[in-house]
Amino acid sequence: MRVLILGGTVFLGRHLVDAALARGAVVTLFHRGHNACHRPDEVEQVLGDRRTDLALLTEREFDVVVDTSGYLPAEVRDSATAVRAGHYTFVSSGSA
């Protein structure tokens, strides 16, 4: 299974990386590079900003996308539209 995590370097994302790898998934992180990935040898990292660099992902396909870093509805909409995936999950912790 090919899993893309938008964000993935802090908070919830780190645990999602661990869980996906434990299940044998091939994990790709799309993040800005502000925080280091805690398992850099086990995941692919695509550096970019979701507001300007989604084109880095448009030619790829994933089974699952987990979006942990959307702050504005337009950002989530644009990401969900740009990335080809069988399933897209947005996790919001703003009100948790």
PDB file of N, CA and C in Angstrom:
ATOM      1  N   MET A   1       0.844  -1.173   0.000  1.00  0.00           N
ATOM      2  CA  MET A   1       0.000   0.000   0.000  1.00  0.00           C
ATOM      3  C   MET A   1       0.890   1.237   0.000  1.00  0.00           C
ATOM      4  N   ARG A   2       0.542   2.186  -0.836  1.00  0.00           N
ATOM      5  CA  ARG A   2       1.286   3.441  -0.936  1.00  0.00           C
ATOM      6  C   ARG A   2       0.526   4.530  -0.180  1.00  0.00           C
ATOM      7  N   VAL A   3       1.170   5.071   0.836  1.00  0.00           N
ATOM      8  CA  VAL A   3       0.536   6.055   1.718  1.00  0.00           C
ATOM      9  C   VAL A   3       1.270   7.385   1.600  1.00  0.00           C
ATOM     10  N   LEU A   4       0.503   8.429   1.373  1.00  0.00           N
ATOM     11  CA  LEU A   4       1.034   9.793   1.384  1.00  0.00           C
ATOM     12  C   LEU A   4       0.510  10.484   2.616  1.00  0.00           C
ATOM     13  N   ILE A   5       1.412  11.078   3.382  1.00  0.00           N
ATOM     14  CA  ILE A   5       1.021  11.869   4.547  1.00  0.00           C
ATOM     15  C   ILE A   5       1.430  13.304   4.286  1.00  0.00           C
ATOM     16  N   LEU A   6       0.441  14.188   4.296  1.00  0.00           N
ATOM     17  CA  LEU A   6       0.717  15.618   4.160  1.00  0.00           C
ATOM     18  C   LEU A   6       1.026  16.137   5.548  1.00  0.00           C
ATOM     19  N   GLY A   7       2.233  16.609   5.725  1.00  0.00           N
ATOM     20  CA  GLY A   7       2.742  16.893   7.066  1.00  0.00           C
ATOM     21  C   GLY A   7       3.575  15.678   7.463  1.00  0.00           C
ATOM     22  N   GLY A   8       3.327  15.146   8.616  1.00  0.00           N
ATOM     23  CA  GLY A   8       3.934  13.879   8.995  1.00  0.00           C
ATOM     24  C   GLY A   8       5.191  13.950   9.819  1.00  0.00           C
ATOM     25  N   THR A   9       5.676  15.140  10.135  1.00  0.00           N
ATOM     26  CA  THR A   9       6.937  15.210  10.882  1.00  0.00           C
ATOM     27  C   THR A   9       6.751  15.518  12.365  1.00  0.00           C
ATOM     28  N   VAL A  10       5.597  15.985  12.759  1.00  0.00           N
ATOM     29  CA  VAL A  10       5.355  16.294  14.175  1.00  0.00           C
ATOM     30  C   VAL A  10       3.966  15.813  14.574  1.00  0.00           C
ATOM     31  N   PHE A  11       3.676  15.906  15.848  1.00  0.00           N
ATOM     32  CA  PHE A  11       2.365  15.639  16.430  1.00  0.00           C
ATOM     33  C   PHE A  11       1.791  14.320  15.911  1.00  0.00           C
ATOM     34  N   LEU A  12       0.623  14.324  15.359  1.00  0.00           N
ATOM     35  CA  LEU A  12      -0.063  13.123  14.892  1.00  0.00           C
ATOM     36  C   LEU A  12       0.694  12.434  13.749  1.00  0.00           C
ATOM     37  N   GLY A  13       1.275  13.206  12.877  1.00  0.00           N
ATOM     38  CA  GLY A  13       1.943  12.653  11.705  1.00  0.00           C
ATOM     39  C   GLY A  13       3.007  11.631  12.023  1.00  0.00           C
ATOM     40  N   ARG A  14       3.778  11.875  13.057  1.00  0.00           N
ATOM     41  CA  ARG A  14       4.830  10.921  13.441  1.00  0.00           C
ATOM     42  C   ARG A  14       4.241   9.557  13.763  1.00  0.00           C
ATOM     43  N   HIS A  15       3.116   9.539  14.454  1.00  0.00           N
ATOM     44  CA  HIS A  15       2.470   8.282  14.833  1.00  0.00           C
ATOM     45  C   HIS A  15       1.853   7.590  13.617  1.00  0.00           C
ATOM     46  N   LEU A  16       1.337   8.381  12.682  1.00  0.00           N
ATOM     47  CA  LEU A  16       0.814   7.802  11.443  1.00  0.00           C
ATOM     48  C   LEU A  16       1.922   7.140  10.639  1.00  0.00           C
ATOM     49  N   VAL A  17       3.086   7.772  10.585  1.00  0.00           N
ATOM     50  CA  VAL A  17       4.242   7.184   9.903  1.00  0.00           C
ATOM     51  C   VAL A  17       4.589   5.848  10.541  1.00  0.00           C
ATOM     52  N   ASP A  18       4.695   5.826  11.847  1.00  0.00           N
ATOM     53  CA  ASP A  18       5.034   4.583  12.551  1.00  0.00           C
ATOM     54  C   ASP A  18       4.014   3.483  12.277  1.00  0.00           C
ATOM     55  N   ALA A  19       2.719   3.831  12.340  1.00  0.00           N
ATOM     56  CA  ALA A  19       1.662   2.839  12.127  1.00  0.00           C
ATOM     57  C   ALA A  19       1.680   2.310  10.695  1.00  0.00           C
ATOM     58  N   ALA A  20       1.859   3.192   9.731  1.00  0.00           N
ATOM     59  CA  ALA A  20       1.882   2.760   8.330  1.00  0.00           C
ATOM     60  C   ALA A  20       3.077   1.854   8.055  1.00  0.00           C
ATOM     61  N   LEU A  21       4.243   2.235   8.553  1.00  0.00           N
ATOM     62  CA  LEU A  21       5.435   1.407   8.350  1.00  0.00           C
ATOM     63  C   LEU A  21       5.285   0.047   9.029  1.00  0.00           C
ATOM     64  N   ALA A  22       4.685   0.024  10.209  1.00  0.00           N
ATOM     65  CA  ALA A  22       4.482  -1.237  10.930  1.00  0.00           C
ATOM     66  C   ALA A  22       3.574  -2.185  10.148  1.00  0.00           C
ATOM     67  N   ARG A  23       2.723  -1.632   9.293  1.00  0.00           N
ATOM     68  CA  ARG A  23       1.818  -2.445   8.475  1.00  0.00           C
ATOM     69  C   ARG A  23       2.390  -2.736   7.081  1.00  0.00           C
ATOM     70  N   GLY A  24       3.643  -2.358   6.887  1.00  0.00           N
ATOM     71  CA  GLY A  24       4.318  -2.677   5.638  1.00  0.00           C
ATOM     72  C   GLY A  24       4.051  -1.710   4.498  1.00  0.00           C
ATOM     73  N   ALA A  25       3.480  -0.551   4.776  1.00  0.00           N
ATOM     74  CA  ALA A  25       3.187   0.433   3.728  1.00  0.00           C
ATOM     75  C   ALA A  25       4.460   1.115   3.248  1.00  0.00           C
ATOM     76  N   VAL A  26       4.399   1.577   2.016  1.00  0.00           N
ATOM     77  CA  VAL A  26       5.430   2.437   1.455  1.00  0.00           C
ATOM     78  C   VAL A  26       4.948   3.861   1.719  1.00  0.00           C
ATOM     79  N   VAL A  27       5.713   4.607   2.510  1.00  0.00           N
ATOM     80  CA  VAL A  27       5.255   5.904   3.000  1.00  0.00           C
ATOM     81  C   VAL A  27       6.014   7.045   2.332  1.00  0.00           C
ATOM     82  N   THR A  28       5.249   8.039   1.896  1.00  0.00           N
ATOM     83  CA  THR A  28       5.796   9.280   1.369  1.00  0.00           C
ATOM     84  C   THR A  28       5.283  10.422   2.226  1.00  0.00           C
ATOM     85  N   LEU A  29       6.177  11.301   2.619  1.00  0.00           N
ATOM     86  CA  LEU A  29       5.790  12.518   3.341  1.00  0.00           C
ATOM     87  C   LEU A  29       5.930  13.707   2.416  1.00  0.00           C
ATOM     88  N   PHE A  30       4.944  14.576   2.425  1.00  0.00           N
ATOM     89  CA  PHE A  30       5.028  15.854   1.733  1.00  0.00           C
ATOM     90  C   PHE A  30       5.008  16.917   2.810  1.00  0.00           C
ATOM     91  N   HIS A  31       6.155  17.592   2.966  1.00  0.00           N
ATOM     92  CA  HIS A  31       6.255  18.599   4.023  1.00  0.00           C
ATOM     93  C   HIS A  31       7.232  19.680   3.608  1.00  0.00           C
ATOM     94  N   ARG A  32       7.238  20.755   4.384  1.00  0.00           N
ATOM     95  CA  ARG A  32       8.058  21.920   4.031  1.00  0.00           C
ATOM     96  C   ARG A  32       9.511  21.802   4.460  1.00  0.00           C
ATOM     97  N   GLY A  33       9.839  20.832   5.283  1.00  0.00           N
ATOM     98  CA  GLY A  33      11.214  20.672   5.731  1.00  0.00           C
ATOM     99  C   GLY A  33      11.554  21.479   6.967  1.00  0.00           C
ATOM    100  N   HIS A  34      10.551  22.046   7.609  1.00  0.00           N
ATOM    101  CA  HIS A  34      10.811  22.831   8.827  1.00  0.00           C
ATOM    102  C   HIS A  34      11.153  21.945  10.017  1.00  0.00           C
ATOM    103  N   ASN A  35      10.639  20.725  10.020  1.00  0.00           N
ATOM    104  CA  ASN A  35      10.929  19.765  11.078  1.00  0.00           C
ATOM    105  C   ASN A  35      11.484  18.500  10.442  1.00  0.00           C
ATOM    106  N   ALA A  36      12.440  17.903  11.106  1.00  0.00           N
ATOM    107  CA  ALA A  36      13.075  16.694  10.576  1.00  0.00           C
ATOM    108  C   ALA A  36      12.139  15.498  10.695  1.00  0.00           C
ATOM    109  N   CYS A  37      12.183  14.657   9.696  1.00  0.00           N
ATOM    110  CA  CYS A  37      11.458  13.388   9.740  1.00  0.00           C
ATOM    111  C   CYS A  37      12.170  12.473  10.731  1.00  0.00           C
ATOM    112  N   HIS A  38      11.421  11.794  11.587  1.00  0.00           N
ATOM    113  CA  HIS A  38      12.047  10.939  12.593  1.00  0.00           C
ATOM    114  C   HIS A  38      12.451   9.567  12.056  1.00  0.00           C
ATOM    115  N   ARG A  39      12.065   9.230  10.831  1.00  0.00           N
ATOM    116  CA  ARG A  39      12.457   7.952  10.221  1.00  0.00           C
ATOM    117  C   ARG A  39      12.888   8.187   8.770  1.00  0.00           C
ATOM    118  N   PRO A  40      13.907   9.023   8.583  1.00  0.00           N
ATOM    119  CA  PRO A  40      14.272   9.452   7.228  1.00  0.00           C
ATOM    120  C   PRO A  40      14.747   8.330   6.308  1.00  0.00           C
ATOM    121  N   ASP A  41      15.269   7.271   6.859  1.00  0.00           N
ATOM    122  CA  ASP A  41      15.761   6.179   6.018  1.00  0.00           C
ATOM    123  C   ASP A  41      14.652   5.227   5.582  1.00  0.00           C
ATOM    124  N   GLU A  42      13.447   5.413   6.137  1.00  0.00           N
ATOM    125  CA  GLU A  42      12.365   4.474   5.862  1.00  0.00           C
ATOM    126  C   GLU A  42      11.221   5.078   5.051  1.00  0.00           C
ATOM    127  N   VAL A  43      11.249   6.381   4.839  1.00  0.00           N
ATOM    128  CA  VAL A  43      10.182   7.031   4.081  1.00  0.00           C
ATOM    129  C   VAL A  43      10.779   7.903   2.980  1.00  0.00           C
ATOM    130  N   GLU A  44       9.982   8.124   1.951  1.00  0.00           N
ATOM    131  CA  GLU A  44      10.362   9.084   0.928  1.00  0.00           C
ATOM    132  C   GLU A  44       9.871  10.452   1.392  1.00  0.00           C
ATOM    133  N   GLN A  45      10.690  11.460   1.206  1.00  0.00           N
ATOM    134  CA  GLN A  45      10.293  12.811   1.573  1.00  0.00           C
ATOM    135  C   GLN A  45      10.263  13.687   0.330  1.00  0.00           C
ATOM    136  N   VAL A  46       9.138  14.350   0.129  1.00  0.00           N
ATOM    137  CA  VAL A  46       8.990  15.323  -0.941  1.00  0.00           C
ATOM    138  C   VAL A  46       8.835  16.672  -0.256  1.00  0.00           C
ATOM    139  N   LEU A  47       9.800  17.550  -0.480  1.00  0.00           N
ATOM    140  CA  LEU A  47       9.762  18.856   0.169  1.00  0.00           C
ATOM    141  C   LEU A  47       9.018  19.862  -0.696  1.00  0.00           C
ATOM    142  N   GLY A  48       8.069  20.532  -0.059  1.00  0.00           N
ATOM    143  CA  GLY A  48       7.299  21.542  -0.753  1.00  0.00           C
ATOM    144  C   GLY A  48       6.234  22.114   0.149  1.00  0.00           C
ATOM    145  N   ASP A  49       5.629  23.185  -0.299  1.00  0.00           N
ATOM    146  CA  ASP A  49       4.558  23.853   0.427  1.00  0.00           C
ATOM    147  C   ASP A  49       3.249  23.553  -0.279  1.00  0.00           C
ATOM    148  N   ARG A  50       2.251  23.131   0.445  1.00  0.00           N
ATOM    149  CA  ARG A  50       0.980  22.758  -0.166  1.00  0.00           C
ATOM    150  C   ARG A  50       0.296  23.920  -0.874  1.00  0.00           C
ATOM    151  N   ARG A  51       0.659  25.129  -0.539  1.00  0.00           N
ATOM    152  CA  ARG A  51       0.042  26.302  -1.184  1.00  0.00           C
ATOM    153  C   ARG A  51       0.634  26.577  -2.564  1.00  0.00           C
ATOM    154  N   THR A  52       1.839  26.108  -2.811  1.00  0.00           N
ATOM    155  CA  THR A  52       2.494  26.445  -4.081  1.00  0.00           C
ATOM    156  C   THR A  52       3.108  25.259  -4.823  1.00  0.00           C
ATOM    157  N   ASP A  53       3.256  24.121  -4.185  1.00  0.00           N
ATOM    158  CA  ASP A  53       4.036  23.033  -4.764  1.00  0.00           C
ATOM    159  C   ASP A  53       3.290  21.715  -4.960  1.00  0.00           C
ATOM    160  N   LEU A  54       1.967  21.732  -5.008  1.00  0.00           N
ATOM    161  CA  LEU A  54       1.217  20.491  -5.185  1.00  0.00           C
ATOM    162  C   LEU A  54       1.534  19.799  -6.509  1.00  0.00           C
ATOM    163  N   ALA A  55       2.046  20.542  -7.475  1.00  0.00           N
ATOM    164  CA  ALA A  55       2.416  19.942  -8.755  1.00  0.00           C
ATOM    165  C   ALA A  55       3.459  18.831  -8.583  1.00  0.00           C
ATOM    166  N   LEU A  56       4.197  18.865  -7.494  1.00  0.00           N
ATOM    167  CA  LEU A  56       5.178  17.810  -7.224  1.00  0.00           C
ATOM    168  C   LEU A  56       4.506  16.455  -7.008  1.00  0.00           C
ATOM    169  N   LEU A  57       3.209  16.453  -6.740  1.00  0.00           N
ATOM    170  CA  LEU A  57       2.491  15.214  -6.433  1.00  0.00           C
ATOM    171  C   LEU A  57       1.507  14.785  -7.516  1.00  0.00           C
ATOM    172  N   THR A  58       1.229  15.643  -8.472  1.00  0.00           N
ATOM    173  CA  THR A  58       0.132  15.374  -9.403  1.00  0.00           C
ATOM    174  C   THR A  58       0.383  14.214 -10.365  1.00  0.00           C
ATOM    175  N   GLU A  59       1.612  13.872 -10.622  1.00  0.00           N
ATOM    176  CA  GLU A  59       1.917  12.770 -11.538  1.00  0.00           C
ATOM    177  C   GLU A  59       2.035  11.431 -10.820  1.00  0.00           C
ATOM    178  N   ARG A  60       1.738  11.435  -9.537  1.00  0.00           N
ATOM    179  CA  ARG A  60       1.893  10.220  -8.737  1.00  0.00           C
ATOM    180  C   ARG A  60       0.533   9.727  -8.292  1.00  0.00           C
ATOM    181  N   GLU A  61       0.492   8.481  -7.847  1.00  0.00           N
ATOM    182  CA  GLU A  61      -0.758   7.913  -7.371  1.00  0.00           C
ATOM    183  C   GLU A  61      -0.515   7.178  -6.058  1.00  0.00           C
ATOM    184  N   PHE A  62      -1.441   7.338  -5.136  1.00  0.00           N
ATOM    185  CA  PHE A  62      -1.338   6.724  -3.819  1.00  0.00           C
ATOM    186  C   PHE A  62      -2.619   5.955  -3.523  1.00  0.00           C
ATOM    187  N   ASP A  63      -2.514   4.957  -2.682  1.00  0.00           N
ATOM    188  CA  ASP A  63      -3.702   4.243  -2.242  1.00  0.00           C
ATOM    189  C   ASP A  63      -4.451   5.058  -1.186  1.00  0.00           C
ATOM    190  N   VAL A  64      -3.675   5.691  -0.330  1.00  0.00           N
ATOM    191  CA  VAL A  64      -4.257   6.444   0.784  1.00  0.00           C
ATOM    192  C   VAL A  64      -3.493   7.749   0.962  1.00  0.00           C
ATOM    193  N   VAL A  65      -4.236   8.819   1.200  1.00  0.00           N
ATOM    194  CA  VAL A  65      -3.653  10.098   1.605  1.00  0.00           C
ATOM    195  C   VAL A  65      -4.229  10.452   2.963  1.00  0.00           C
ATOM    196  N   VAL A  66      -3.348  10.827   3.881  1.00  0.00           N
ATOM    197  CA  VAL A  66      -3.788  11.336   5.172  1.00  0.00           C
ATOM    198  C   VAL A  66      -3.254  12.756   5.284  1.00  0.00           C
ATOM    199  N   ASP A  67      -4.172  13.683   5.416  1.00  0.00           N
ATOM    200  CA  ASP A  67      -3.845  15.112   5.458  1.00  0.00           C
ATOM    201  C   ASP A  67      -3.941  15.582   6.903  1.00  0.00           C
ATOM    202  N   THR A  68      -2.790  15.876   7.474  1.00  0.00           N
ATOM    203  CA  THR A  68      -2.748  16.325   8.874  1.00  0.00           C
ATOM    204  C   THR A  68      -2.389  17.794   8.995  1.00  0.00           C
ATOM    205  N   SER A  69      -2.267  18.478   7.857  1.00  0.00           N
ATOM    206  CA  SER A  69      -1.697  19.822   7.940  1.00  0.00           C
ATOM    207  C   SER A  69      -2.514  20.897   7.225  1.00  0.00           C
ATOM    208  N   GLY A  70      -3.778  20.629   6.973  1.00  0.00           N
ATOM    209  CA  GLY A  70      -4.610  21.640   6.323  1.00  0.00           C
ATOM    210  C   GLY A  70      -5.177  22.621   7.334  1.00  0.00           C
ATOM    211  N   TYR A  71      -5.056  23.892   7.050  1.00  0.00           N
ATOM    212  CA  TYR A  71      -5.579  24.910   7.959  1.00  0.00           C
ATOM    213  C   TYR A  71      -6.779  25.645   7.381  1.00  0.00           C
ATOM    214  N   LEU A  72      -6.830  25.762   6.071  1.00  0.00           N
ATOM    215  CA  LEU A  72      -7.918  26.472   5.415  1.00  0.00           C
ATOM    216  C   LEU A  72      -8.663  25.509   4.494  1.00  0.00           C
ATOM    217  N   PRO A  73      -9.983  25.647   4.372  1.00  0.00           N
ATOM    218  CA  PRO A  73     -10.740  24.746   3.498  1.00  0.00           C
ATOM    219  C   PRO A  73     -10.200  24.699   2.069  1.00  0.00           C
ATOM    220  N   ALA A  74      -9.771  25.824   1.539  1.00  0.00           N
ATOM    221  CA  ALA A  74      -9.242  25.842   0.169  1.00  0.00           C
ATOM    222  C   ALA A  74      -7.971  25.004   0.051  1.00  0.00           C
ATOM    223  N   GLU A  75      -7.147  24.983   1.083  1.00  0.00           N
ATOM    224  CA  GLU A  75      -5.932  24.165   1.055  1.00  0.00           C
ATOM    225  C   GLU A  75      -6.285  22.685   0.969  1.00  0.00           C
ATOM    226  N   VAL A  76      -7.247  22.273   1.756  1.00  0.00           N
ATOM    227  CA  VAL A  76      -7.651  20.869   1.753  1.00  0.00           C
ATOM    228  C   VAL A  76      -8.299  20.514   0.413  1.00  0.00           C
ATOM    229  N   ARG A  77      -9.164  21.372  -0.081  1.00  0.00           N
ATOM    230  CA  ARG A  77      -9.807  21.145  -1.381  1.00  0.00           C
ATOM    231  C   ARG A  77      -8.761  21.003  -2.487  1.00  0.00           C
ATOM    232  N   ASP A  78      -7.809  21.923  -2.520  1.00  0.00           N
ATOM    233  CA  ASP A  78      -6.785  21.893  -3.556  1.00  0.00           C
ATOM    234  C   ASP A  78      -5.939  20.625  -3.475  1.00  0.00           C
ATOM    235  N   SER A  79      -5.592  20.211  -2.274  1.00  0.00           N
ATOM    236  CA  SER A  79      -4.798  18.994  -2.105  1.00  0.00           C
ATOM    237  C   SER A  79      -5.589  17.766  -2.517  1.00  0.00           C
ATOM    238  N   ALA A  80      -6.842  17.698  -2.104  1.00  0.00           N
ATOM    239  CA  ALA A  80      -7.677  16.547  -2.433  1.00  0.00           C
ATOM    240  C   ALA A  80      -7.916  16.452  -3.932  1.00  0.00           C
ATOM    241  N   THR A  81      -7.934  17.581  -4.603  1.00  0.00           N
ATOM    242  CA  THR A  81      -8.136  17.607  -6.050  1.00  0.00           C
ATOM    243  C   THR A  81      -6.855  17.256  -6.801  1.00  0.00           C
ATOM    244  N   ALA A  82      -5.728  17.707  -6.308  1.00  0.00           N
ATOM    245  CA  ALA A  82      -4.452  17.543  -7.011  1.00  0.00           C
ATOM    246  C   ALA A  82      -3.869  16.140  -6.892  1.00  0.00           C
ATOM    247  N   VAL A  83      -4.083  15.485  -5.771  1.00  0.00           N
ATOM    248  CA  VAL A  83      -3.441  14.200  -5.500  1.00  0.00           C
ATOM    249  C   VAL A  83      -4.380  13.061  -5.888  1.00  0.00           C
ATOM    250  N   ARG A  84      -3.870  12.144  -6.700  1.00  0.00           N
ATOM    251  CA  ARG A  84      -4.658  10.974  -7.086  1.00  0.00           C
ATOM    252  C   ARG A  84      -4.507   9.903  -6.020  1.00  0.00           C
ATOM    253  N   ALA A  85      -5.657   9.506  -5.454  1.00  0.00           N
ATOM    254  CA  ALA A  85      -5.632   8.511  -4.391  1.00  0.00           C
ATOM    255  C   ALA A  85      -6.955   7.774  -4.323  1.00  0.00           C
ATOM    256  N   GLY A  86      -6.887   6.543  -3.857  1.00  0.00           N
ATOM    257  CA  GLY A  86      -8.095   5.761  -3.654  1.00  0.00           C
ATOM    258  C   GLY A  86      -8.908   6.264  -2.478  1.00  0.00           C
ATOM    259  N   HIS A  87      -8.231   6.819  -1.485  1.00  0.00           N
ATOM    260  CA  HIS A  87      -8.906   7.307  -0.282  1.00  0.00           C
ATOM    261  C   HIS A  87      -8.153   8.523   0.242  1.00  0.00           C
ATOM    262  N   TYR A  88      -8.885   9.536   0.662  1.00  0.00           N
ATOM    263  CA  TYR A  88      -8.301  10.767   1.207  1.00  0.00           C
ATOM    264  C   TYR A  88      -8.955  11.042   2.550  1.00  0.00           C
ATOM    265  N   THR A  89      -8.142  11.159   3.583  1.00  0.00           N
ATOM    266  CA  THR A  89      -8.642  11.477   4.920  1.00  0.00           C
ATOM    267  C   THR A  89      -8.026  12.766   5.401  1.00  0.00           C
ATOM    268  N   PHE A  90      -8.876  13.671   5.844  1.00  0.00           N
ATOM    269  CA  PHE A  90      -8.411  14.922   6.436  1.00  0.00           C
ATOM    270  C   PHE A  90      -8.649  14.829   7.932  1.00  0.00           C
ATOM    271  N   VAL A  91      -7.595  15.089   8.709  1.00  0.00           N
ATOM    272  CA  VAL A  91      -7.681  15.063  10.159  1.00  0.00           C
ATOM    273  C   VAL A  91      -7.497  16.479  10.665  1.00  0.00           C
ATOM    274  N   SER A  92      -8.518  16.981  11.340  1.00  0.00           N
ATOM    275  CA  SER A  92      -8.446  18.321  11.914  1.00  0.00           C
ATOM    276  C   SER A  92      -8.342  18.220  13.418  1.00  0.00           C
ATOM    277  N   SER A  93      -7.367  18.893  13.975  1.00  0.00           N
ATOM    278  CA  SER A  93      -7.227  18.913  15.433  1.00  0.00           C
ATOM    279  C   SER A  93      -7.451  20.323  15.976  1.00  0.00           C
ATOM    280  N   GLY A  94      -7.951  21.207  15.158  1.00  0.00           N
ATOM    281  CA  GLY A  94      -8.146  22.604  15.561  1.00  0.00           C
ATOM    282  C   GLY A  94      -9.113  22.774  16.709  1.00  0.00           C
ATOM    283  N   SER A  95     -10.116  21.919  16.786  1.00  0.00           N
ATOM    284  CA  SER A  95     -11.110  22.050  17.837  1.00  0.00           C
ATOM    285  C   SER A  95     -11.038  20.928  18.863  1.00  0.00           C
ATOM    286  N   ALA A  96     -10.024  20.093  18.728  1.00  0.00           N
ATOM    287  CA  ALA A  96      -9.922  18.960  19.647  1.00  0.00           C
ATOM    288  C   ALA A  96      -9.423  19.385  21.011  1.00  0.00           C
TER     289      ALA A  96
END
